[in-house]
């Protein structure tokens, strides 16, 4: 459990999770993470001990660290979404309510999910370079603790004013593309969601299958002004994927260079600068999700 994720107090969160597992009659052990990378260590140790499942209580960053240890092992990963954005949980239909998420962990179904790897680091949501990475860096833990999802809105408004287009060189499965853009997103899942209101913005032509198609979706965002960028987001939310200002590629391996070098984020966490290389690992991770309703 990541005690720093989201806005809930760690002690209250831990108590609710303990009660939910105990009421279900499950054998469980809760360990708090102490900092970056610790979730990976804990998950790797749990899998080595033969635990039947590892449950990550936190946000997309905690999920990615846990997935780094479990990818390729066959050990199922369950998720209790307690972060600020919880994008992977939204895409997989995992409820945010603690008690409902625990029920999914114990009684849901394990599905095979793709992951991406950037320079040895696993991601489950997306890696990106440019404006999106600058937004993630500006939305500090302190801002997210204070404002929740509003921290991302604030960061987007601030960065949209000062950000500029870069020249990106992209190699996708051997195909070269040279383009000027504000941001390049390498996505493993198919959509982004806002919390209030709950709006879905697709990042791929077929967002519902993006997390298990064995490919990465490369989304190139071109608009260079705040009004055009806002219009693009509104169109994604209302009309769907496509249209002016967006380019889309699908590939198993993506090399990304930028001039000048662009900041990089991996699953919402700052991760240096370009150049980077991302590779898809099909069906590498098993995640517990709800059973279909029909």
Protein backbone atom coordinates (compact mmCIF):
# COMPACT_ATOMS: atom_id res chain seq x y z
CA UNK A 1 0.00 0.00 0.00
CA UNK A 2 1.27 3.44 -0.94
CA UNK A 3 0.49 5.68 2.08
CA UNK A 4 1.12 8.82 0.00
CA UNK A 5 -1.35 8.04 -2.82
CA UNK A 6 -4.48 10.14 -3.21
CA UNK A 7 -5.90 12.35 -0.46
CA UNK A 8 -7.00 9.75 2.12
CA UNK A 9 -5.13 9.49 5.41
CA UNK A 10 -2.92 6.41 5.45
CA UNK A 11 -4.19 5.03 8.76
CA UNK A 12 -7.84 5.34 7.74
CA UNK A 13 -7.11 3.80 4.36
CA UNK A 14 -5.25 0.87 5.87
CA UNK A 15 -8.09 0.21 8.33
CA UNK A 16 -10.71 0.14 5.57
CA UNK A 17 -8.63 -2.24 3.46
CA UNK A 18 -7.98 -4.54 6.43
CA UNK A 19 -11.68 -4.64 7.29
CA UNK A 20 -12.69 -5.38 3.70
CA UNK A 21 -10.31 -8.35 3.41
CA UNK A 22 -11.13 -9.61 6.90
CA UNK A 23 -14.89 -9.53 6.28
CA UNK A 24 -14.33 -11.58 3.14
CA UNK A 25 -12.45 -14.20 5.18
CA UNK A 26 -9.25 -13.76 3.17
CA UNK A 27 -5.71 -14.36 4.37
CA UNK A 28 -3.75 -11.17 3.76
CA UNK A 29 -0.77 -9.09 4.78
CA UNK A 30 -0.44 -5.31 4.34
CA UNK A 31 2.94 -3.63 3.93
CA UNK A 32 3.45 0.10 3.42
CA UNK A 33 5.80 1.34 0.72
CA UNK A 34 8.61 3.62 1.90
CA UNK A 35 9.51 5.37 -1.33
CA UNK A 36 10.11 5.02 -5.07
CA UNK A 37 10.91 1.46 -6.12
CA UNK A 38 9.83 -0.13 -2.86
CA UNK A 39 6.58 -1.52 -4.33
CA UNK A 40 8.68 -3.42 -6.87
CA UNK A 41 10.80 -4.95 -4.10
CA UNK A 42 7.75 -5.95 -2.06
CA UNK A 43 5.93 -7.49 -5.03
CA UNK A 44 9.01 -9.41 -6.15
CA UNK A 45 9.46 -10.83 -2.64
CA UNK A 46 5.77 -11.78 -2.42
CA UNK A 47 5.89 -13.62 -5.74
CA UNK A 48 9.07 -15.43 -4.69
CA UNK A 49 7.33 -16.59 -1.48
CA UNK A 50 4.56 -18.11 -3.57
CA UNK A 51 1.78 -15.67 -2.70
CA UNK A 52 -1.30 -16.40 -4.77
CA UNK A 53 -1.86 -12.72 -5.52
CA UNK A 54 -0.33 -9.29 -4.96
CA UNK A 55 -2.66 -6.34 -4.43
CA UNK A 56 -1.45 -2.78 -5.08
CA UNK A 57 -3.29 -0.02 -3.20
CA UNK A 58 -2.27 3.26 -4.77
CA UNK A 59 -2.24 5.07 -8.08
CA UNK A 60 -0.88 4.40 -11.55
CA UNK A 61 2.70 4.81 -10.33
CA UNK A 62 2.28 2.19 -7.61
CA UNK A 63 0.63 -0.12 -10.13
CA UNK A 64 3.54 0.29 -12.55
CA UNK A 65 6.12 -0.48 -9.86
CA UNK A 66 4.20 -3.60 -8.82
CA UNK A 67 3.79 -4.67 -12.45
CA UNK A 68 7.55 -4.38 -12.92
CA UNK A 69 7.99 -7.25 -10.47
CA UNK A 70 5.07 -9.41 -11.59
CA UNK A 71 5.26 -9.14 -15.39
CA UNK A 72 6.09 -12.55 -16.80
CA UNK A 73 5.66 -14.39 -13.50
CA UNK A 74 2.01 -15.43 -13.84
CA UNK A 75 1.22 -14.12 -10.35
CA UNK A 76 -2.05 -12.12 -10.57
CA UNK A 77 -2.06 -8.45 -9.64
CA UNK A 78 -5.12 -6.85 -8.03
CA UNK A 79 -5.64 -3.11 -7.75
CA UNK A 80 -7.29 -0.89 -5.16
CA UNK A 81 -7.28 2.50 -6.93
CA UNK A 82 -6.29 5.21 -4.45
CA UNK A 83 -4.25 7.58 -6.60
CA UNK A 84 -5.14 10.93 -8.10
CA UNK A 85 -5.89 9.81 -11.66
CA UNK A 86 -6.26 5.99 -11.56
CA UNK A 87 -6.25 5.76 -15.36
CA UNK A 88 -5.53 2.02 -15.64
CA UNK A 89 -8.36 1.23 -13.21
CA UNK A 90 -10.76 3.33 -15.29
CA UNK A 91 -9.72 1.53 -18.47
CA UNK A 92 -10.17 -1.92 -16.91
CA UNK A 93 -13.41 -1.13 -15.12
CA UNK A 94 -11.97 -1.62 -11.61
CA UNK A 95 -14.11 0.26 -9.06
CA UNK A 96 -12.60 3.02 -6.94
CA UNK A 97 -14.64 2.06 -3.88
CA UNK A 98 -12.34 0.11 -1.54
CA UNK A 99 -14.80 -2.61 -0.59
CA UNK A 100 -15.87 -3.15 -4.21
CA UNK A 101 -12.24 -3.27 -5.37
CA UNK A 102 -11.44 -5.89 -2.72
CA UNK A 103 -14.34 -8.01 -4.01
CA UNK A 104 -12.85 -7.79 -7.52
CA UNK A 105 -9.47 -8.81 -6.12
CA UNK A 106 -10.95 -11.89 -4.45
CA UNK A 107 -13.72 -12.90 -6.84
CA UNK A 108 -12.95 -11.25 -10.18
CA UNK A 109 -11.27 -12.82 -13.19
CA UNK A 110 -7.59 -12.62 -14.15
CA UNK A 111 -7.05 -11.23 -17.65
CA UNK A 112 -3.80 -10.97 -19.60
CA UNK A 113 -2.72 -7.38 -20.11
CA UNK A 114 0.05 -5.92 -22.26
CA UNK A 115 2.73 -3.76 -20.69
CA UNK A 116 5.29 -1.44 -22.20
CA UNK A 117 8.95 -1.12 -21.27
CA UNK A 118 11.01 2.07 -21.56
CA UNK A 119 14.73 1.55 -21.06
CA UNK A 120 14.05 -1.34 -18.69
CA UNK A 121 11.20 0.33 -16.79
CA UNK A 122 7.70 -1.17 -17.08
CA UNK A 123 4.65 1.01 -17.72
CA UNK A 124 1.00 0.00 -17.74
CA UNK A 125 -0.60 3.31 -18.74
CA UNK A 126 1.63 5.39 -21.01
CA UNK A 127 4.98 7.04 -21.50
CA UNK A 128 5.16 10.47 -23.05
CA UNK A 129 7.46 13.29 -24.06
CA UNK A 130 6.78 17.01 -24.29
CA UNK A 131 3.77 18.83 -22.87
CA UNK A 132 2.29 15.84 -21.02
CA UNK A 133 5.57 15.19 -19.22
CA UNK A 134 5.88 18.86 -18.27
CA UNK A 135 2.36 18.76 -16.84
CA UNK A 136 3.16 15.67 -14.77
CA UNK A 137 6.30 17.33 -13.40
CA UNK A 138 4.41 20.50 -12.44
CA UNK A 139 1.61 18.53 -10.74
CA UNK A 140 3.73 17.87 -7.68
CA UNK A 141 2.71 15.48 -4.87
CA UNK A 142 1.96 18.51 -2.69
CA UNK A 143 -0.43 19.95 -5.29
CA UNK A 144 -2.13 16.58 -5.80
CA UNK A 145 -2.54 16.16 -2.05
CA UNK A 146 -4.16 19.59 -1.83
CA UNK A 147 -6.25 19.73 -5.01
CA UNK A 148 -6.60 16.13 -6.19
CA UNK A 149 -7.31 15.91 -9.92
CA UNK A 150 -7.44 19.72 -10.02
CA UNK A 151 -3.64 19.71 -9.78
CA UNK A 152 -3.48 18.30 -13.32
CA UNK A 153 -5.89 20.96 -14.59
CA UNK A 154 -3.80 23.70 -13.01
CA UNK A 155 -0.58 22.22 -14.38
CA UNK A 156 -2.07 21.89 -17.87
CA UNK A 157 -3.15 25.54 -17.90
CA UNK A 158 0.26 26.74 -16.73
CA UNK A 159 2.27 24.58 -19.12
CA UNK A 160 0.03 25.23 -22.13
CA UNK A 161 0.94 28.91 -21.96
CA UNK A 162 4.71 28.40 -21.98
CA UNK A 163 5.20 25.11 -23.85
CA UNK A 164 6.33 25.07 -27.46
CA UNK A 165 6.45 22.66 -30.36
CA UNK A 166 9.51 20.48 -30.75
CA UNK A 167 10.92 18.56 -33.67
CA UNK A 168 10.36 14.87 -32.95
CA UNK A 169 12.07 12.01 -34.78
CA UNK A 170 10.02 8.84 -34.33
CA UNK A 171 10.97 5.35 -35.48
CA UNK A 172 8.02 2.96 -35.17
CA UNK A 173 8.85 -0.64 -36.14
CA UNK A 174 11.42 0.68 -38.58
CA UNK A 175 9.21 3.41 -40.07
CA UNK A 176 10.63 6.93 -39.78
CA UNK A 177 8.49 9.99 -39.07
CA UNK A 178 9.72 13.55 -38.60
CA UNK A 179 7.12 15.93 -37.16
CA UNK A 180 6.67 19.10 -35.16
CA UNK A 181 4.46 18.51 -32.13
CA UNK A 182 3.65 19.60 -28.60
CA UNK A 183 3.62 16.09 -27.21
CA UNK A 184 4.11 12.45 -28.19
CA UNK A 185 2.32 9.84 -26.11
CA UNK A 186 3.16 6.12 -26.24
CA UNK A 187 0.04 4.51 -24.81
CA UNK A 188 -0.58 1.00 -23.52
CA UNK A 189 -4.25 1.60 -22.66
CA UNK A 190 -6.88 3.18 -24.87
CA UNK A 191 -8.34 6.18 -23.06
CA UNK A 192 -7.75 8.95 -20.56
CA UNK A 193 -10.41 9.88 -18.01
CA UNK A 194 -11.12 13.01 -16.03
CA UNK A 195 -12.50 12.66 -12.52
CA UNK A 196 -14.95 15.57 -12.26
CA UNK A 197 -16.84 15.39 -14.50
CA UNK A 198 -16.19 11.80 -15.58
CA UNK A 199 -15.18 12.30 -19.21
CA UNK A 200 -13.52 9.69 -21.45
CA UNK A 201 -10.98 10.81 -24.07
CA UNK A 202 -9.86 7.98 -26.39
CA UNK A 203 -6.18 7.72 -27.30
CA UNK A 204 -6.65 5.07 -29.97
CA UNK A 205 -9.15 4.22 -32.72
CA UNK A 206 -10.15 1.07 -30.77
CA UNK A 207 -9.65 2.06 -27.13
CA UNK A 208 -11.43 -0.93 -25.59
CA UNK A 209 -8.92 -3.41 -27.00
CA UNK A 210 -5.76 -1.30 -26.72
CA UNK A 211 -4.57 -2.93 -23.49
CA UNK A 212 -4.53 -6.44 -24.97
CA UNK A 213 -3.71 -5.99 -28.67
CA UNK A 214 0.04 -6.56 -28.34
CA UNK A 215 0.84 -3.09 -29.68
CA UNK A 216 1.64 0.41 -28.46
CA UNK A 217 -0.43 3.37 -29.67
CA UNK A 218 1.70 6.38 -30.58
CA UNK A 219 -0.37 9.57 -30.35
CA UNK A 220 1.23 12.71 -31.75
CA UNK A 221 -0.38 15.96 -30.57
CA UNK A 222 0.35 18.86 -32.92
CA UNK A 223 -1.64 21.96 -31.80
CA UNK A 224 0.70 24.76 -30.70
CA UNK A 225 -1.79 27.15 -29.08
CA UNK A 226 -3.92 26.89 -25.95
CA UNK A 227 -7.28 27.37 -27.77
CA UNK A 228 -6.43 24.71 -30.38
CA UNK A 229 -5.23 22.30 -27.72
CA UNK A 230 -8.39 22.82 -25.66
CA UNK A 231 -10.47 22.29 -28.79
CA UNK A 232 -8.65 19.03 -29.46
CA UNK A 233 -9.40 17.73 -25.96
CA UNK A 234 -13.06 18.73 -26.29
CA UNK A 235 -13.33 16.93 -29.63
CA UNK A 236 -11.81 13.77 -28.19
CA UNK A 237 -14.33 13.83 -25.34
CA UNK A 238 -17.40 14.55 -27.48
CA UNK A 239 -16.71 13.11 -30.94
CA UNK A 240 -14.04 10.48 -30.36
CA UNK A 241 -10.55 9.78 -31.65
CA UNK A 242 -9.22 11.39 -34.83
CA UNK A 243 -9.35 14.64 -36.74
CA UNK A 244 -6.99 17.55 -37.29
CA UNK A 245 -4.14 17.97 -34.85
CA UNK A 246 -3.64 14.27 -34.14
CA UNK A 247 -1.44 11.67 -35.77
CA UNK A 248 -1.60 8.02 -34.80
CA UNK A 249 0.74 5.04 -35.24
CA UNK A 250 0.72 1.50 -33.87
CA UNK A 251 3.96 -0.36 -33.28
CA UNK A 252 5.69 -2.94 -31.09
CA UNK A 253 8.85 -0.85 -30.73
CA UNK A 254 9.12 2.94 -30.75
CA UNK A 255 12.24 5.12 -30.67
CA UNK A 256 11.68 8.76 -29.77
CA UNK A 257 14.11 11.65 -30.22
CA UNK A 258 13.43 15.38 -29.86
CA UNK A 259 15.19 18.66 -30.62
CA UNK A 260 15.56 20.27 -28.16
CA UNK A 261 15.40 17.27 -25.80
CA UNK A 262 11.92 16.84 -24.31
CA UNK A 263 11.01 15.93 -20.72
CA UNK A 264 9.71 12.38 -20.37
CA UNK A 265 7.10 10.85 -18.05
CA UNK A 266 6.36 7.19 -17.40
CA UNK A 267 2.95 6.43 -15.89
CA UNK A 268 2.74 9.97 -14.58
CA UNK A 269 6.19 10.13 -12.98
CA UNK A 270 9.02 12.30 -14.38
CA UNK A 271 11.64 10.12 -16.08
CA UNK A 272 14.40 12.27 -17.52
CA UNK A 273 14.58 13.41 -21.15
CA UNK A 274 14.54 12.06 -24.68
CA UNK A 275 15.83 9.96 -26.37
CA UNK A 276 13.87 6.91 -25.20
CA UNK A 277 12.90 3.54 -26.63
CA UNK A 278 9.62 1.79 -25.76
CA UNK A 279 8.82 -1.87 -26.42
CA UNK A 280 5.49 -3.70 -26.05
CA UNK A 281 5.36 -6.94 -24.07
CA UNK A 282 2.10 -8.66 -25.09
CA UNK A 283 0.04 -10.42 -22.41
CA UNK A 284 2.89 -10.07 -19.91
CA UNK A 285 0.78 -9.28 -16.84
CA UNK A 286 -2.32 -10.84 -15.24
CA UNK A 287 -4.68 -8.34 -13.59
CA UNK A 288 -7.90 -9.02 -11.69
CA UNK A 289 -10.90 -7.28 -13.27
CA UNK A 290 -14.68 -7.46 -12.75
CA UNK A 291 -16.70 -10.16 -14.48
CA UNK A 292 -18.71 -8.90 -17.46
CA UNK A 293 -22.20 -7.71 -16.54
CA UNK A 294 -23.84 -9.23 -19.62
